Amino acid sequence: MRRCADCSVEVEGTWRTCPLCRAALEGDRGDGGDRGSGSGDPFPVIPLDFSRKRVLRTLFLTSLAVVVLSFAAQLLFNRDGDGIGVLRSIWLGVAAMWLVVLMAARKRRNLAKGTVYLVVLVGLSVTYWDYLTGWHGWSLTYAVPSLCACSIVALIITVRVMRIEVGDHIVYTGLAVLLGLAPIGFLGFGWVDDPLPSVVCGVLSLIALAFVQFARGAEARHELGKRLHL
């Protein structure tokens, strides 16, 4: 059995590098010789430790708060808005938020990738719909920022309520920043009519970044240093 000096763990199979930090392993290679990857999965299958009732309650209350705030924003700031407007865009974002959290509840692997695919595909779809209907600008002004903001809220829920592993915090931090920067880019290029949704999305991304760092920042930095060999 081979050993990783950096992680202080023993690795079964025919791995040449540590599956945790990718450092070279020491000791006998065992059967299989020069193969670059081990046989089977060296990581144990650990079920998610969370209360489904608590997750659903948190998700429901968050969705209700988002919808109520969207009604208030529609009433106070955008009574005569054309096209999709704020309210319907918020409903789209709430649906995306449920999908992200349910993806995490069913299977946590590749959650970050699934969230990116969801935001990109739905964002492109609504933008194309806006283009086909004469381009009123509602897609970049309301729909995409709402989609990104609600996805960030969903990631915060998964980190806080579902107790995601430390290594995944790094992925979620980068993803939250990425989702928040997209609407800020639209605002910078002057593609939006109302700057408020883009600003809210950017602020949420900063809140998500601060939340992850304050919650388990030391462990996340240690994990990042281990992965980058710093």
Protein backbone atom coordinates (compact mmCIF):
# COMPACT_ATOMS: atom_id res chain seq x y z
CA MET A 1 0.00 0.00 0.00
CA ARG A 2 1.29 3.43 -0.95
CA ARG A 3 1.35 6.52 1.27
CA CYS A 4 0.94 10.27 0.76
CA ALA A 5 3.36 12.22 2.93
CA ASP A 6 1.49 15.50 2.49
CA CYS A 7 -1.92 14.17 3.61
CA SER A 8 -0.55 11.47 5.95
CA VAL A 9 -2.91 8.85 4.52
CA GLU A 10 -2.50 5.43 2.93
CA VAL A 11 -3.98 4.88 -0.52
CA GLU A 12 -5.16 1.51 -1.78
CA GLY A 13 -5.07 0.43 -5.42
CA THR A 14 -2.64 1.41 -8.17
CA TRP A 15 -2.67 5.17 -7.77
CA ARG A 16 0.57 6.96 -8.61
CA THR A 17 -0.61 10.31 -7.22
CA CYS A 18 -2.69 11.09 -4.15
CA PRO A 19 -6.41 11.38 -5.04
CA LEU A 20 -6.72 14.16 -2.43
CA CYS A 21 -3.84 16.53 -3.21
CA ARG A 22 -2.29 14.99 -6.38
CA ALA A 23 1.14 14.68 -4.76
CA ALA A 24 3.37 11.72 -5.67
CA LEU A 25 2.84 8.62 -3.52
CA GLU A 26 5.56 6.76 -1.70
CA GLY A 27 6.01 3.02 -1.23
CA ASP A 28 5.18 -0.06 -3.29
CA ARG A 29 2.91 0.52 -6.25
CA GLY A 30 1.22 -2.88 -6.03
CA ASP A 31 -0.53 -4.68 -8.86
CA GLY A 32 -1.09 -2.74 -12.04
CA GLY A 33 2.32 -1.10 -12.29
CA ASP A 34 2.33 2.06 -14.30
CA ARG A 35 -1.37 2.83 -14.53
CA GLY A 36 -2.12 6.45 -13.76
CA SER A 37 -5.33 5.90 -11.81
CA GLY A 38 -6.44 3.47 -9.16
CA SER A 39 -8.95 0.68 -9.39
CA GLY A 40 -12.25 1.68 -7.90
CA ASP A 41 -13.07 4.77 -5.88
CA PRO A 42 -10.67 5.39 -2.95
CA PHE A 43 -13.17 7.69 -1.25
CA PRO A 44 -15.82 6.20 1.02
CA VAL A 45 -19.45 6.88 0.14
CA ILE A 46 -20.66 9.18 2.93
CA PRO A 47 -24.36 10.04 2.94
CA LEU A 48 -25.38 13.66 3.38
CA ASP A 49 -26.07 14.47 7.02
CA PHE A 50 -29.01 16.88 6.99
CA SER A 51 -32.68 17.11 7.85
CA ARG A 52 -34.87 17.10 4.73
CA LYS A 53 -37.65 18.73 6.72
CA ARG A 54 -35.35 21.57 7.73
CA VAL A 55 -34.10 22.01 4.17
CA LEU A 56 -37.62 22.15 2.75
CA ARG A 57 -38.78 24.55 5.47
CA THR A 58 -35.81 26.87 4.88
CA LEU A 59 -36.31 26.72 1.12
CA PHE A 60 -40.05 27.41 1.40
CA LEU A 61 -39.62 30.37 3.76
CA THR A 62 -36.83 31.81 1.61
CA SER A 63 -38.94 31.46 -1.54
CA LEU A 64 -41.91 33.09 0.18
CA ALA A 65 -39.74 36.01 1.32
CA VAL A 66 -38.32 36.47 -2.18
CA VAL A 67 -41.79 36.48 -3.76
CA VAL A 68 -43.14 38.96 -1.19
CA LEU A 69 -40.18 41.27 -1.79
CA SER A 70 -40.75 41.05 -5.54
CA PHE A 71 -44.39 42.05 -5.08
CA ALA A 72 -43.27 45.02 -2.99
CA ALA A 73 -40.70 46.04 -5.60
CA GLN A 74 -43.27 45.73 -8.39
CA LEU A 75 -45.76 47.83 -6.43
CA LEU A 76 -43.36 50.57 -5.38
CA PHE A 77 -40.94 50.92 -8.27
CA ASN A 78 -42.27 49.31 -11.45
CA ARG A 79 -46.06 49.43 -11.62
CA ASP A 80 -46.17 50.06 -15.36
CA GLY A 81 -43.30 47.78 -16.45
CA ASP A 82 -43.57 46.19 -19.89
CA GLY A 83 -42.64 42.67 -20.92
CA ILE A 84 -41.82 40.07 -18.30
CA GLY A 85 -40.87 42.58 -15.59
CA VAL A 86 -39.71 41.94 -12.06
CA LEU A 87 -42.39 39.60 -10.77
CA ARG A 88 -42.26 36.91 -13.44
CA SER A 89 -38.47 37.02 -13.41
CA ILE A 90 -38.50 36.39 -9.67
CA TRP A 91 -40.73 33.36 -10.21
CA LEU A 92 -38.14 32.06 -12.68
CA GLY A 93 -35.39 32.58 -10.11
CA VAL A 94 -37.37 30.83 -7.36
CA ALA A 95 -37.87 27.83 -9.64
CA ALA A 96 -34.11 27.73 -10.28
CA MET A 97 -33.44 27.97 -6.53
CA TRP A 98 -35.61 24.91 -5.88
CA LEU A 99 -33.87 22.99 -8.65
CA VAL A 100 -30.39 23.74 -7.27
CA VAL A 101 -31.28 22.69 -3.70
CA LEU A 102 -33.09 19.57 -4.90
CA MET A 103 -30.05 18.64 -6.99
CA ALA A 104 -27.94 18.91 -3.84
CA ALA A 105 -30.42 16.81 -1.86
CA ARG A 106 -30.50 14.06 -4.46
CA LYS A 107 -26.82 13.95 -5.38
CA ARG A 108 -24.18 16.40 -4.25
CA ARG A 109 -21.49 15.51 -6.80
CA ASN A 110 -21.11 17.96 -9.68
CA LEU A 111 -23.59 20.33 -8.03
CA ALA A 112 -21.49 23.36 -9.01
CA LYS A 113 -21.34 22.16 -12.60
CA GLY A 114 -25.10 21.52 -12.65
CA THR A 115 -25.78 25.00 -11.30
CA VAL A 116 -23.61 26.61 -13.96
CA TYR A 117 -25.36 24.61 -16.70
CA LEU A 118 -28.76 25.58 -15.30
CA VAL A 119 -27.97 29.30 -15.17
CA VAL A 120 -26.34 29.34 -18.60
CA LEU A 121 -29.05 27.34 -20.39
CA VAL A 122 -32.00 29.17 -18.83
CA GLY A 123 -30.26 32.53 -19.22
CA LEU A 124 -29.61 31.93 -22.91
CA SER A 125 -33.19 30.71 -23.39
CA VAL A 126 -34.82 33.81 -21.90
CA THR A 127 -32.40 36.09 -23.76
CA TYR A 128 -33.30 34.38 -27.04
CA TRP A 129 -37.00 34.68 -26.18
CA ASP A 130 -36.52 38.40 -25.56
CA TYR A 131 -34.76 38.68 -28.93
CA LEU A 132 -37.55 36.85 -30.79
CA THR A 133 -40.24 39.08 -29.27
CA GLY A 134 -38.58 42.32 -30.37
CA TRP A 135 -35.94 42.81 -27.66
CA HIS A 136 -37.44 44.76 -24.77
CA GLY A 137 -34.38 44.19 -22.58
CA TRP A 138 -36.25 42.38 -19.78
CA SER A 139 -34.01 39.32 -20.05
CA LEU A 140 -30.75 41.05 -19.12
CA THR A 141 -32.41 43.61 -16.85
CA TYR A 142 -34.57 41.28 -14.75
CA ALA A 143 -34.52 37.59 -15.72
CA VAL A 144 -30.79 36.80 -15.71
CA PRO A 145 -29.98 38.79 -12.52
CA SER A 146 -32.94 37.13 -10.74
CA LEU A 147 -31.77 33.71 -11.92
CA CYS A 148 -28.21 34.34 -10.74
CA ALA A 149 -29.26 35.88 -7.42
CA CYS A 150 -31.62 33.02 -6.54
CA SER A 151 -28.95 30.47 -7.48
CA ILE A 152 -26.57 32.20 -5.07
CA VAL A 153 -29.22 32.01 -2.32
CA ALA A 154 -29.62 28.31 -3.09
CA LEU A 155 -25.87 27.76 -2.74
CA ILE A 156 -25.90 29.53 0.63
CA ILE A 157 -28.71 27.22 1.76
CA THR A 158 -26.77 24.12 0.69
CA VAL A 159 -23.63 25.26 2.52
CA ARG A 160 -25.44 26.32 5.69
CA VAL A 161 -28.24 23.78 6.05
CA MET A 162 -26.91 20.70 4.26
CA ARG A 163 -23.38 20.81 5.73
CA ILE A 164 -21.45 20.50 2.49
CA GLU A 165 -17.83 19.34 2.82
CA VAL A 166 -15.03 21.88 3.18
CA GLY A 167 -13.53 21.09 -0.21
CA ASP A 168 -16.80 21.98 -1.90
CA HIS A 169 -16.83 25.40 -0.20
CA ILE A 170 -14.02 26.47 -2.50
CA VAL A 171 -16.02 25.58 -5.59
CA TYR A 172 -19.14 27.31 -4.28
CA THR A 173 -17.22 30.47 -3.39
CA GLY A 174 -15.88 30.79 -6.92
CA LEU A 175 -19.26 29.96 -8.38
CA ALA A 176 -21.04 32.59 -6.25
CA VAL A 177 -18.59 35.26 -7.37
CA LEU A 178 -18.94 34.17 -11.01
CA LEU A 179 -22.74 34.28 -10.91
CA GLY A 180 -22.70 37.71 -9.30
CA LEU A 181 -20.25 39.20 -11.79
CA ALA A 182 -22.33 38.37 -14.87
CA PRO A 183 -25.14 40.92 -14.21
CA ILE A 184 -22.56 43.47 -13.04
CA GLY A 185 -20.95 43.06 -16.46
CA PHE A 186 -24.31 43.76 -18.14
CA LEU A 187 -24.58 46.92 -16.05
CA GLY A 188 -21.07 47.99 -16.94
CA PHE A 189 -21.74 47.62 -20.67
CA GLY A 190 -24.99 49.58 -20.38
CA TRP A 191 -27.20 46.67 -21.48
CA VAL A 192 -29.79 47.05 -18.70
CA ASP A 193 -32.57 49.58 -18.20
CA ASP A 194 -32.86 49.24 -14.41
CA PRO A 195 -29.56 48.83 -12.48
CA LEU A 196 -31.18 47.63 -9.23
CA PRO A 197 -31.45 43.86 -10.04
CA SER A 198 -27.82 43.72 -11.20
CA VAL A 199 -26.62 45.59 -8.11
CA VAL A 200 -28.62 43.29 -5.81
CA CYS A 201 -27.09 40.25 -7.50
CA GLY A 202 -23.59 41.65 -7.07
CA VAL A 203 -24.20 42.40 -3.40
CA LEU A 204 -25.53 38.86 -2.86
CA SER A 205 -22.39 37.41 -4.39
CA LEU A 206 -20.26 39.40 -1.94
CA ILE A 207 -22.47 38.28 0.95
CA ALA A 208 -22.10 34.65 -0.16
CA LEU A 209 -18.32 35.06 -0.37
CA ALA A 210 -18.16 36.62 3.11
CA PHE A 211 -20.52 34.00 4.54
CA VAL A 212 -18.41 31.07 3.35
CA GLN A 213 -15.20 32.71 4.54
CA PHE A 214 -16.54 33.55 7.99
CA ALA A 215 -18.33 30.22 8.42
CA ARG A 216 -15.36 27.95 7.72
CA GLY A 217 -12.75 30.22 6.20
CA ALA A 218 -9.70 28.73 7.91
CA GLU A 219 -10.57 25.20 6.78
CA ALA A 220 -11.35 26.41 3.25
CA ARG A 221 -8.00 28.21 3.00
CA HIS A 222 -6.21 25.10 4.27
CA GLU A 223 -8.00 22.97 1.69
CA LEU A 224 -7.16 25.46 -1.07
CA GLY A 225 -3.50 25.52 -0.05
CA LYS A 226 -3.38 21.72 -0.06
CA ARG A 227 -4.92 21.48 -3.52
CA LEU A 228 -2.59 24.15 -4.96
CA HIS A 229 0.46 22.81 -3.08
CA LEU A 230 0.98 26.18 -1.36
